C-alpha atoms as a PDB file:
ATOM      1  CA  UNK A   1       7.722  46.073  19.869  1.00  0.00           C
ATOM      2  CA  UNK A   2       9.413  49.112  21.313  1.00  0.00           C
ATOM      3  CA  UNK A   3       6.036  50.167  23.123  1.00  0.00           C
ATOM      4  CA  UNK A   4       5.888  46.897  24.680  1.00  0.00           C
ATOM      5  CA  UNK A   5       9.392  46.594  26.101  1.00  0.00           C
ATOM      6  CA  UNK A   6       8.981  50.396  27.347  1.00  0.00           C
ATOM      7  CA  UNK A   7       5.724  49.279  28.987  1.00  0.00           C
ATOM      8  CA  UNK A   8       7.462  46.155  30.830  1.00  0.00           C
ATOM      9  CA  UNK A   9      10.453  47.967  31.843  1.00  0.00           C
ATOM     10  CA  UNK A  10       7.947  50.915  33.376  1.00  0.00           C
ATOM     11  CA  UNK A  11       6.191  48.036  35.143  1.00  0.00           C
ATOM     12  CA  UNK A  12       9.013  46.496  36.495  1.00  0.00           C
ATOM     13  CA  UNK A  13      10.713  50.046  37.640  1.00  0.00           C
ATOM     14  CA  UNK A  14       7.274  50.327  39.625  1.00  0.00           C
ATOM     15  CA  UNK A  15       6.973  47.210  41.440  1.00  0.00           C
ATOM     16  CA  UNK A  16      10.578  47.345  42.605  1.00  0.00           C
ATOM     17  CA  UNK A  17      10.119  51.387  43.624  1.00  0.00           C
ATOM     18  CA  UNK A  18       7.128  50.209  45.476  1.00  0.00           C
ATOM     19  CA  UNK A  19       8.682  47.082  47.396  1.00  0.00           C
ATOM     20  CA  UNK A  20      11.478  49.638  48.223  1.00  0.00           C
ATOM     21  CA  UNK A  21       9.409  52.554  49.148  1.00  0.00           C
ATOM     22  CA  UNK A  22       7.935  50.365  52.157  1.00  0.00           C
ATOM     23  CA  UNK A  23      11.289  50.147  53.813  1.00  0.00           C
ATOM     24  CA  UNK A  24      12.289  47.207  56.160  1.00  0.00           C
ATOM     25  CA  UNK A  25       9.296  45.073  57.379  1.00  0.00           C
ATOM     26  CA  UNK A  26       9.370  42.896  60.378  1.00  0.00           C
ATOM     27  CA  UNK A  27       8.357  39.260  58.622  1.00  0.00           C
ATOM     28  CA  UNK A  28       8.865  37.392  61.581  1.00  0.00           C
ATOM     29  CA  UNK A  29       5.866  35.737  62.769  1.00  0.00           C
ATOM     30  CA  UNK A  30       3.722  37.863  65.166  1.00  0.00           C
ATOM     31  CA  UNK A  31       2.031  35.206  67.012  1.00  0.00           C
ATOM     32  CA  UNK A  32       0.770  35.821  70.595  1.00  0.00           C
ATOM     33  CA  UNK A  33       0.059  34.015  73.655  1.00  0.00           C
ATOM     34  CA  UNK A  34      -3.355  31.892  72.680  1.00  0.00           C
ATOM     35  CA  UNK A  35      -2.958  32.391  68.971  1.00  0.00           C
ATOM     36  CA  UNK A  36      -4.342  29.757  67.238  1.00  0.00           C
ATOM     37  CA  UNK A  37      -5.024  28.517  63.970  1.00  0.00           C
ATOM     38  CA  UNK A  38      -6.752  25.381  62.138  1.00  0.00           C
ATOM     39  CA  UNK A  39      -4.616  24.101  59.052  1.00  0.00           C
ATOM     40  CA  UNK A  40      -4.806  21.709  56.164  1.00  0.00           C
ATOM     41  CA  UNK A  41      -1.563  19.919  55.368  1.00  0.00           C
ATOM     42  CA  UNK A  42      -1.453  17.784  52.100  1.00  0.00           C
ATOM     43  CA  UNK A  43       1.437  15.937  50.996  1.00  0.00           C
ATOM     44  CA  UNK A  44       1.698  14.109  47.818  1.00  0.00           C
ATOM     45  CA  UNK A  45       4.420  12.075  47.067  1.00  0.00           C
ATOM     46  CA  UNK A  46       5.219   9.934  43.577  1.00  0.00           C
ATOM     47  CA  UNK A  47       7.818   7.718  43.432  1.00  0.00           C
ATOM     48  CA  UNK A  48       9.385   5.366  41.021  1.00  0.00           C
ATOM     49  CA  UNK A  49      11.668   2.856  42.000  1.00  0.00           C
ATOM     50  CA  UNK A  50      14.194   0.759  40.270  1.00  0.00           C
ATOM     51  CA  UNK A  51      15.250  -2.265  42.333  1.00  0.00           C
ATOM     52  CA  UNK A  52      17.611  -4.391  40.152  1.00  0.00           C
ATOM     53  CA  UNK A  53      16.223  -3.725  37.200  1.00  0.00           C
ATOM     54  CA  UNK A  54      12.269  -4.120  38.262  1.00  0.00           C
ATOM     55  CA  UNK A  55      10.441  -0.692  38.083  1.00  0.00           C
ATOM     56  CA  UNK A  56       7.481  -0.149  40.763  1.00  0.00           C
ATOM     57  CA  UNK A  57       6.038   2.994  41.233  1.00  0.00           C
ATOM     58  CA  UNK A  58       3.521   4.361  44.272  1.00  0.00           C
ATOM     59  CA  UNK A  59       1.606   7.368  45.013  1.00  0.00           C
ATOM     60  CA  UNK A  60       0.711   8.575  48.309  1.00  0.00           C
ATOM     61  CA  UNK A  61      -1.418  11.557  49.353  1.00  0.00           C
ATOM     62  CA  UNK A  62      -1.827  12.503  52.991  1.00  0.00           C
ATOM     63  CA  UNK A  63      -4.151  15.175  54.545  1.00  0.00           C
ATOM     64  CA  UNK A  64      -3.805  16.244  58.129  1.00  0.00           C
ATOM     65  CA  UNK A  65      -6.001  18.357  59.562  1.00  0.00           C
ATOM     66  CA  UNK A  66      -3.864  20.409  62.497  1.00  0.00           C
ATOM     67  CA  UNK A  67      -4.997  22.610  65.349  1.00  0.00           C
ATOM     68  CA  UNK A  68      -2.078  24.750  66.205  1.00  0.00           C
ATOM     69  CA  UNK A  69      -2.229  26.661  69.653  1.00  0.00           C
ATOM     70  CA  UNK A  70       0.633  29.423  71.100  1.00  0.00           C
ATOM     71  CA  UNK A  71       0.507  28.435  74.929  1.00  0.00           C
ATOM     72  CA  UNK A  72       2.941  30.641  75.890  1.00  0.00           C
ATOM     73  CA  UNK A  73       5.770  32.897  75.073  1.00  0.00           C
ATOM     74  CA  UNK A  74       9.110  32.790  77.123  1.00  0.00           C
ATOM     75  CA  UNK A  75      11.389  35.672  77.573  1.00  0.00           C
ATOM     76  CA  UNK A  76      13.557  35.493  74.535  1.00  0.00           C
ATOM     77  CA  UNK A  77      10.219  35.456  72.307  1.00  0.00           C
ATOM     78  CA  UNK A  78       9.987  32.078  71.699  1.00  0.00           C
ATOM     79  CA  UNK A  79       6.624  30.342  70.988  1.00  0.00           C
ATOM     80  CA  UNK A  80       5.617  27.123  73.122  1.00  0.00           C
ATOM     81  CA  UNK A  81       3.274  25.667  70.716  1.00  0.00           C
ATOM     82  CA  UNK A  82       0.551  23.058  71.258  1.00  0.00           C
ATOM     83  CA  UNK A  83       0.024  20.874  68.002  1.00  0.00           C
ATOM     84  CA  UNK A  84      -2.842  18.220  67.624  1.00  0.00           C
ATOM     85  CA  UNK A  85      -3.464  15.871  64.563  1.00  0.00           C
ATOM     86  CA  UNK A  86      -7.146  16.110  64.451  1.00  0.00           C
ATOM     87  CA  UNK A  87      -7.690  13.794  61.358  1.00  0.00           C
ATOM     88  CA  UNK A  88      -5.708  12.072  58.450  1.00  0.00           C
ATOM     89  CA  UNK A  89      -7.108  10.428  55.357  1.00  0.00           C
ATOM     90  CA  UNK A  90      -6.060  10.459  52.017  1.00  0.00           C
ATOM     91  CA  UNK A  91      -5.026   7.466  49.520  1.00  0.00           C
ATOM     92  CA  UNK A  92      -2.290   5.234  48.376  1.00  0.00           C
ATOM     93  CA  UNK A  93      -1.970   3.642  44.907  1.00  0.00           C
ATOM     94  CA  UNK A  94       0.695   0.884  43.930  1.00  0.00           C
ATOM     95  CA  UNK A  95      -0.567  -0.206  40.327  1.00  0.00           C
ATOM     96  CA  UNK A  96       2.149  -2.941  40.157  1.00  0.00           C
ATOM     97  CA  UNK A  97       1.214  -4.607  43.362  1.00  0.00           C
ATOM     98  CA  UNK A  98      -2.382  -3.881  42.729  1.00  0.00           C
ATOM     99  CA  UNK A  99      -2.984  -1.749  45.680  1.00  0.00           C
ATOM    100  CA  UNK A 100      -5.472   1.146  45.884  1.00  0.00           C
ATOM    101  CA  UNK A 101      -6.119   2.080  49.380  1.00  0.00           C
ATOM    102  CA  UNK A 102      -8.352   5.163  50.808  1.00  0.00           C
ATOM    103  CA  UNK A 103      -8.007   6.113  54.528  1.00  0.00           C
ATOM    104  CA  UNK A 104      -9.664   8.201  57.115  1.00  0.00           C
ATOM    105  CA  UNK A 105      -9.154   8.361  60.746  1.00  0.00           C
ATOM    106  CA  UNK A 106     -12.680  10.300  60.966  1.00  0.00           C
ATOM    107  CA  UNK A 107     -14.439   7.178  59.560  1.00  0.00           C
ATOM    108  CA  UNK A 108     -15.148   5.679  62.721  1.00  0.00           C
ATOM    109  CA  UNK A 109     -13.628   2.008  62.171  1.00  0.00           C
ATOM    110  CA  UNK A 110     -10.691   0.353  63.651  1.00  0.00           C
ATOM    111  CA  UNK A 111      -7.651   0.500  61.109  1.00  0.00           C
ATOM    112  CA  UNK A 112      -5.640  -2.899  60.706  1.00  0.00           C
ATOM    113  CA  UNK A 113      -2.582  -3.577  58.456  1.00  0.00           C
ATOM    114  CA  UNK A 114      -1.232  -1.058  56.102  1.00  0.00           C
ATOM    115  CA  UNK A 115      -4.534   1.451  56.880  1.00  0.00           C
ATOM    116  CA  UNK A 116      -3.327   1.331  60.586  1.00  0.00           C
ATOM    117  CA  UNK A 117       0.129   2.641  59.241  1.00  0.00           C
ATOM    118  CA  UNK A 118      -1.063   5.297  57.009  1.00  0.00           C
ATOM    119  CA  UNK A 119      -3.062   6.679  59.943  1.00  0.00           C
ATOM    120  CA  UNK A 120      -0.375   6.803  62.294  1.00  0.00           C
ATOM    121  CA  UNK A 121      -0.259   9.666  64.802  1.00  0.00           C
ATOM    122  CA  UNK A 122      -4.112  10.565  64.070  1.00  0.00           C
ATOM    123  CA  UNK A 123      -5.665  11.856  67.315  1.00  0.00           C
ATOM    124  CA  UNK A 124      -2.553  12.752  69.151  1.00  0.00           C
ATOM    125  CA  UNK A 125      -0.595  15.612  70.379  1.00  0.00           C
ATOM    126  CA  UNK A 126       2.820  17.097  71.010  1.00  0.00           C
ATOM    127  CA  UNK A 127       4.487  20.252  71.784  1.00  0.00           C
ATOM    128  CA  UNK A 128       7.479  22.055  70.077  1.00  0.00           C
ATOM    129  CA  UNK A 129       9.256  25.400  71.026  1.00  0.00           C
ATOM    130  CA  UNK A 130       9.492  27.699  68.010  1.00  0.00           C
ATOM    131  CA  UNK A 131      11.627  30.912  67.251  1.00  0.00           C
ATOM    132  CA  UNK A 132       9.665  34.033  65.823  1.00  0.00           C
ATOM    133  CA  UNK A 133      11.755  33.279  62.496  1.00  0.00           C
ATOM    134  CA  UNK A 134       9.782  29.928  62.114  1.00  0.00           C
ATOM    135  CA  UNK A 135      12.811  27.923  63.248  1.00  0.00           C
ATOM    136  CA  UNK A 136      11.973  24.671  65.631  1.00  0.00           C
ATOM    137  CA  UNK A 137      14.150  24.696  68.770  1.00  0.00           C
ATOM    138  CA  UNK A 138      12.974  21.390  70.234  1.00  0.00           C
ATOM    139  CA  UNK A 139       9.981  19.351  70.219  1.00  0.00           C
ATOM    140  CA  UNK A 140       8.426  18.810  73.737  1.00  0.00           C
ATOM    141  CA  UNK A 141       6.063  16.541  75.493  1.00  0.00           C
ATOM    142  CA  UNK A 142       4.202  14.112  73.240  1.00  0.00           C
ATOM    143  CA  UNK A 143       6.849  13.403  70.807  1.00  0.00           C
ATOM    144  CA  UNK A 144       8.182  10.427  72.252  1.00  0.00           C
ATOM    145  CA  UNK A 145       4.569   8.980  72.532  1.00  0.00           C
ATOM    146  CA  UNK A 146       3.640   9.803  69.026  1.00  0.00           C
ATOM    147  CA  UNK A 147       7.123   8.461  67.785  1.00  0.00           C
ATOM    148  CA  UNK A 148       6.515   5.416  69.273  1.00  0.00           C
ATOM    149  CA  UNK A 149       3.006   4.891  67.928  1.00  0.00           C
ATOM    150  CA  UNK A 150       4.834   5.617  64.238  1.00  0.00           C
ATOM    151  CA  UNK A 151       8.167   3.846  64.345  1.00  0.00           C
ATOM    152  CA  UNK A 152       6.709   0.815  63.198  1.00  0.00           C
ATOM    153  CA  UNK A 153       4.595   2.477  60.034  1.00  0.00           C
ATOM    154  CA  UNK A 154       6.997   1.293  57.429  1.00  0.00           C
ATOM    155  CA  UNK A 155       4.463   1.188  54.766  1.00  0.00           C
ATOM    156  CA  UNK A 156       3.611   5.128  55.355  1.00  0.00           C
ATOM    157  CA  UNK A 157       5.940   7.174  53.174  1.00  0.00           C
ATOM    158  CA  UNK A 158       4.330  10.291  55.187  1.00  0.00           C
ATOM    159  CA  UNK A 159       5.034   8.466  58.638  1.00  0.00           C
ATOM    160  CA  UNK A 160       5.172  11.607  61.226  1.00  0.00           C
ATOM    161  CA  UNK A 161       8.832  10.423  62.177  1.00  0.00           C
ATOM    162  CA  UNK A 162      10.742  12.926  64.108  1.00  0.00           C
ATOM    163  CA  UNK A 163      11.606  15.032  60.752  1.00  0.00           C
ATOM    164  CA  UNK A 164       8.276  14.626  59.805  1.00  0.00           C
ATOM    165  CA  UNK A 165       7.185  16.565  63.179  1.00  0.00           C
ATOM    166  CA  UNK A 166      10.055  19.221  62.256  1.00  0.00           C
ATOM    167  CA  UNK A 167       8.462  19.689  58.977  1.00  0.00           C
ATOM    168  CA  UNK A 168       4.850  19.983  60.127  1.00  0.00           C
ATOM    169  CA  UNK A 169       5.512  22.500  62.914  1.00  0.00           C
ATOM    170  CA  UNK A 170       7.859  24.604  60.506  1.00  0.00           C
ATOM    171  CA  UNK A 171       5.456  24.323  57.644  1.00  0.00           C
ATOM    172  CA  UNK A 172       3.048  26.146  59.791  1.00  0.00           C
ATOM    173  CA  UNK A 173       4.923  29.467  60.111  1.00  0.00           C
ATOM    174  CA  UNK A 174       6.999  28.982  56.909  1.00  0.00           C
ATOM    175  CA  UNK A 175      10.085  30.402  55.910  1.00  0.00           C
ATOM    176  CA  UNK A 176      10.837  33.433  57.824  1.00  0.00           C
ATOM    177  CA  UNK A 177      13.877  35.741  57.743  1.00  0.00           C
ATOM    178  CA  UNK A 178      15.615  35.953  61.058  1.00  0.00           C
ATOM    179  CA  UNK A 179      15.327  39.946  61.223  1.00  0.00           C
ATOM    180  CA  UNK A 180      13.673  43.063  59.451  1.00  0.00           C
ATOM    181  CA  UNK A 181      13.818  42.975  55.713  1.00  0.00           C
ATOM    182  CA  UNK A 182      13.014  45.093  52.777  1.00  0.00           C
ATOM    183  CA  UNK A 183      10.566  44.142  50.385  1.00  0.00           C
ATOM    184  CA  UNK A 184      12.310  42.331  47.388  1.00  0.00           C
ATOM    185  CA  UNK A 185      15.332  41.398  49.915  1.00  0.00           C
ATOM    186  CA  UNK A 186      16.741  37.882  49.611  1.00  0.00           C
ATOM    187  CA  UNK A 187      18.167  35.545  52.217  1.00  0.00           C
ATOM    188  CA  UNK A 188      19.432  32.086  52.532  1.00  0.00           C
ATOM    189  CA  UNK A 189      18.223  29.402  55.109  1.00  0.00           C
ATOM    190  CA  UNK A 190      18.152  25.536  55.589  1.00  0.00           C
ATOM    191  CA  UNK A 191      15.494  23.484  56.039  1.00  0.00           C
ATOM    192  CA  UNK A 192      14.661  19.956  56.940  1.00  0.00           C
ATOM    193  CA  UNK A 193      12.525  17.886  54.686  1.00  0.00           C
ATOM    194  CA  UNK A 194      11.824  14.131  54.506  1.00  0.00           C
ATOM    195  CA  UNK A 195      11.862  11.982  51.097  1.00  0.00           C
ATOM    196  CA  UNK A 196      10.305   8.833  51.521  1.00  0.00           C
ATOM    197  CA  UNK A 197      11.585   8.253  55.225  1.00  0.00           C
ATOM    198  CA  UNK A 198      14.788   9.839  54.988  1.00  0.00           C
ATOM    199  CA  UNK A 199      15.357  13.438  55.881  1.00  0.00           C
ATOM    200  CA  UNK A 200      17.426  15.779  53.640  1.00  0.00           C
ATOM    201  CA  UNK A 201      18.445  19.299  53.229  1.00  0.00           C
ATOM    202  CA  UNK A 202      16.869  21.748  51.425  1.00  0.00           C
ATOM    203  CA  UNK A 203      19.113  24.911  50.815  1.00  0.00           C
ATOM    204  CA  UNK A 204      16.388  27.697  49.795  1.00  0.00           C
ATOM    205  CA  UNK A 205      16.995  31.406  48.550  1.00  0.00           C
ATOM    206  CA  UNK A 206      14.130  33.340  49.784  1.00  0.00           C
ATOM    207  CA  UNK A 207      12.698  36.581  48.494  1.00  0.00           C
ATOM    208  CA  UNK A 208      10.117  39.001  50.436  1.00  0.00           C
ATOM    209  CA  UNK A 209       8.404  39.451  46.963  1.00  0.00           C
ATOM    210  CA  UNK A 210       5.253  41.300  48.147  1.00  0.00           C
ATOM    211  CA  UNK A 211       4.261  43.202  51.398  1.00  0.00           C
ATOM    212  CA  UNK A 212       0.530  44.085  51.980  1.00  0.00           C
ATOM    213  CA  UNK A 213      -1.366  45.437  54.826  1.00  0.00           C
ATOM    214  CA  UNK A 214      -2.531  41.944  55.991  1.00  0.00           C
ATOM    215  CA  UNK A 215      -0.266  39.481  54.524  1.00  0.00           C
ATOM    216  CA  UNK A 216       3.313  39.298  53.069  1.00  0.00           C
ATOM    217  CA  UNK A 217       4.361  36.713  50.160  1.00  0.00           C
ATOM    218  CA  UNK A 218       7.833  34.948  50.161  1.00  0.00           C
ATOM    219  CA  UNK A 219       9.081  33.080  47.252  1.00  0.00           C
ATOM    220  CA  UNK A 220      11.953  30.626  47.769  1.00  0.00           C
ATOM    221  CA  UNK A 221      13.924  27.981  45.193  1.00  0.00           C
ATOM    222  CA  UNK A 222      16.885  26.186  46.080  1.00  0.00           C
ATOM    223  CA  UNK A 223      18.683  22.546  45.844  1.00  0.00           C
ATOM    224  CA  UNK A 224      18.252  19.577  47.961  1.00  0.00           C
ATOM    225  CA  UNK A 225      21.460  17.359  49.374  1.00  0.00           C
ATOM    226  CA  UNK A 226      22.756  15.282  52.263  1.00  0.00           C
ATOM    227  CA  UNK A 227      24.915  17.441  54.306  1.00  0.00           C
ATOM    228  CA  UNK A 228      24.755  14.863  57.295  1.00  0.00           C
ATOM    229  CA  UNK A 229      26.017  16.945  60.019  1.00  0.00           C
ATOM    230  CA  UNK A 230      23.616  19.568  59.119  1.00  0.00           C
ATOM    231  CA  UNK A 231      20.546  17.270  58.727  1.00  0.00           C
ATOM    232  CA  UNK A 232      21.339  15.689  62.356  1.00  0.00           C
ATOM    233  CA  UNK A 233      21.607  19.069  63.931  1.00  0.00           C
ATOM    234  CA  UNK A 234      18.141  20.030  62.357  1.00  0.00           C
ATOM    235  CA  UNK A 235      16.859  16.846  63.129  1.00  0.00           C
ATOM    236  CA  UNK A 236      17.488  17.537  66.897  1.00  0.00           C
ATOM    237  CA  UNK A 237      18.018  14.004  67.731  1.00  0.00           C
ATOM    238  CA  UNK A 238      20.437  12.298  69.775  1.00  0.00           C
ATOM    239  CA  UNK A 239      22.118   8.941  70.798  1.00  0.00           C
ATOM    240  CA  UNK A 240      20.698   5.625  68.558  1.00  0.00           C
ATOM    241  CA  UNK A 241      18.221   7.911  66.855  1.00  0.00           C
ATOM    242  CA  UNK A 242      20.947  10.178  65.349  1.00  0.00           C
ATOM    243  CA  UNK A 243      22.927   7.003  64.377  1.00  0.00           C
ATOM    244  CA  UNK A 244      19.813   5.680  62.650  1.00  0.00           C
ATOM    245  CA  UNK A 245      19.314   9.053  60.976  1.00  0.00           C
ATOM    246  CA  UNK A 246      23.248   9.137  59.935  1.00  0.00           C
ATOM    247  CA  UNK A 247      22.744   5.699  58.524  1.00  0.00           C
ATOM    248  CA  UNK A 248      19.827   6.421  56.523  1.00  0.00           C
ATOM    249  CA  UNK A 249      22.019   9.393  55.134  1.00  0.00           C
ATOM    250  CA  UNK A 250      24.951   7.323  54.555  1.00  0.00           C
ATOM    251  CA  UNK A 251      23.225   4.979  52.469  1.00  0.00           C
ATOM    252  CA  UNK A 252      21.621   7.743  50.239  1.00  0.00           C
ATOM    253  CA  UNK A 253      22.838   9.822  47.370  1.00  0.00           C
ATOM    254  CA  UNK A 254      21.328  12.484  45.487  1.00  0.00           C
ATOM    255  CA  UNK A 255      22.060  12.866  41.945  1.00  0.00           C
ATOM    256  CA  UNK A 256      20.155  15.807  41.643  1.00  0.00           C
ATOM    257  CA  UNK A 257      17.432  17.841  43.808  1.00  0.00           C
ATOM    258  CA  UNK A 258      15.503  21.037  43.806  1.00  0.00           C
ATOM    259  CA  UNK A 259      12.891  23.002  45.830  1.00  0.00           C
ATOM    260  CA  UNK A 260      10.349  25.462  44.850  1.00  0.00           C
ATOM    261  CA  UNK A 261       8.182  27.106  47.399  1.00  0.00           C
ATOM    262  CA  UNK A 262       5.721  29.799  47.655  1.00  0.00           C
ATOM    263  CA  UNK A 263       3.816  31.202  50.781  1.00  0.00           C
ATOM    264  CA  UNK A 264       1.458  33.687  51.968  1.00  0.00           C
ATOM    265  CA  UNK A 265       1.931  34.493  55.577  1.00  0.00           C
ATOM    266  CA  UNK A 266      -0.742  36.398  57.741  1.00  0.00           C
ATOM    267  CA  UNK A 267       0.774  39.410  59.454  1.00  0.00           C
ATOM    268  CA  UNK A 268      -2.181  39.699  62.096  1.00  0.00           C
ATOM    269  CA  UNK A 269      -1.476  36.038  63.463  1.00  0.00           C
ATOM    270  CA  UNK A 270       1.937  34.862  62.107  1.00  0.00           C
ATOM    271  CA  UNK A 271       0.855  31.879  60.661  1.00  0.00           C
ATOM    272  CA  UNK A 272       0.804  30.645  57.225  1.00  0.00           C
ATOM    273  CA  UNK A 273      -2.557  31.617  55.186  1.00  0.00           C
ATOM    274  CA  UNK A 274      -1.558  29.437  52.428  1.00  0.00           C
ATOM    275  CA  UNK A 275       1.506  27.808  50.946  1.00  0.00           C
ATOM    276  CA  UNK A 276       2.716  25.381  48.239  1.00  0.00           C
ATOM    277  CA  UNK A 277       6.120  23.547  48.147  1.00  0.00           C
ATOM    278  CA  UNK A 278       7.507  21.140  45.318  1.00  0.00           C
ATOM    279  CA  UNK A 279      10.573  18.886  46.136  1.00  0.00           C
ATOM    280  CA  UNK A 280      12.027  16.686  43.199  1.00  0.00           C
ATOM    281  CA  UNK A 281      15.180  14.596  43.415  1.00  0.00           C
ATOM    282  CA  UNK A 282      16.927  11.525  41.780  1.00  0.00           C
ATOM    283  CA  UNK A 283      18.249   9.563  44.285  1.00  0.00           C
ATOM    284  CA  UNK A 284      19.975   6.184  44.970  1.00  0.00           C
ATOM    285  CA  UNK A 285      19.998   4.103  48.384  1.00  0.00           C
ATOM    286  CA  UNK A 286      21.851   1.242  49.339  1.00  0.00           C
ATOM    287  CA  UNK A 287      20.356  -0.956  51.818  1.00  0.00           C
ATOM    288  CA  UNK A 288      21.517  -4.784  53.219  1.00  0.00           C
ATOM    289  CA  UNK A 289      17.857  -6.267  52.585  1.00  0.00           C
ATOM    290  CA  UNK A 290      17.161  -4.867  49.037  1.00  0.00           C
ATOM    291  CA  UNK A 291      20.635  -4.074  47.366  1.00  0.00           C
ATOM    292  CA  UNK A 292      20.903  -0.812  45.449  1.00  0.00           C
ATOM    293  CA  UNK A 293      17.578   1.166  44.730  1.00  0.00           C
ATOM    294  CA  UNK A 294      17.463   4.135  42.248  1.00  0.00           C
ATOM    295  CA  UNK A 295      14.240   6.354  42.355  1.00  0.00           C
ATOM    296  CA  UNK A 296      12.824   9.441  41.241  1.00  0.00           C
ATOM    297  CA  UNK A 297      10.844  11.059  43.685  1.00  0.00           C
ATOM    298  CA  UNK A 298       8.405  14.059  43.465  1.00  0.00           C
ATOM    299  CA  UNK A 299       6.856  15.537  46.642  1.00  0.00           C
ATOM    300  CA  UNK A 300       4.392  18.293  46.502  1.00  0.00           C
ATOM    301  CA  UNK A 301       3.641  20.055  50.081  1.00  0.00           C
ATOM    302  CA  UNK A 302       0.324  22.336  50.343  1.00  0.00           C
ATOM    303  CA  UNK A 303      -1.257  24.168  53.198  1.00  0.00           C
ATOM    304  CA  UNK A 304      -4.357  25.966  53.687  1.00  0.00           C
ATOM    305  CA  UNK A 305      -6.571  27.730  56.451  1.00  0.00           C
ATOM    306  CA  UNK A 306      -9.753  25.485  57.648  1.00  0.00           C
ATOM    307  CA  UNK A 307     -12.052  26.253  60.640  1.00  0.00           C
ATOM    308  CA  UNK A 308     -12.933  24.078  63.701  1.00  0.00           C
ATOM    309  CA  UNK A 309     -16.303  23.602  62.030  1.00  0.00           C
ATOM    310  CA  UNK A 310     -14.886  22.235  59.142  1.00  0.00           C
ATOM    311  CA  UNK A 311     -12.067  20.113  60.580  1.00  0.00           C
ATOM    312  CA  UNK A 312     -14.290  16.718  60.444  1.00  0.00           C
ATOM    313  CA  UNK A 313     -16.397  15.571  57.959  1.00  0.00           C
ATOM    314  CA  UNK A 314     -20.209  16.414  58.537  1.00  0.00           C
ATOM    315  CA  UNK A 315     -21.947  13.389  59.836  1.00  0.00           C
END
């Protein structure tokens, strides 16, 4: 028993010493003008909803194939990023309503009804300005057109709303420190996430857990809440849109919420190599049309690399 404890303690000391010996590293994005990446972002939401004693469940999985390119870098080092939603496909299952739908923007058909909602945003482009720390500074050209297309997609829990676009852009860079950071160091950051179609605030404690020559790994854990002022600030909306965001937040109460994240980021191009994130929470929502609703929601968000050759299914 003592031998096992000694061996474990030795391994912990060696790991800590190895991280410390690397000194401070710049874990911010290293993307340069012209850098590009092909990514698949798969989002799965499992929800159980209780409406006035009647329980319903639904599960949606949406995979988006994305192409991101750094079109320019400004004088402050921020990136102008062009994003194309190349393909959208997935499934929507609601057993209580006997719904089981598969959808794919690459199947050549003209979508109608619920499929049209589920495929919202496919084939569209927008721009964003992003800091080297992966923080979204603003959404740019193409955003309004995309939001106009997706605004009516009420059947789609993963519709690319403004908050959803924030999540897409920042997810490609990951959670990064704002300055040089030693291996093993921790930092706190706020992240905007979308649950159903309601934006929520994730307060994440991140750790630079591993540094290699080609990649570094960051782990994060935290809580999820509804700090309305901070959500509207990260959301980047104004006027009627900000008022609607505030209304959604006011009508929602988070009883418990947590987030767990792990990511591997490339030191060569500054984008994520892979990432996985789980958000789980219990919420209560008060809506004029449906009354009180209690929900348990689990959302899994995964990122992985792909290539242009594999972006669309082979014909």
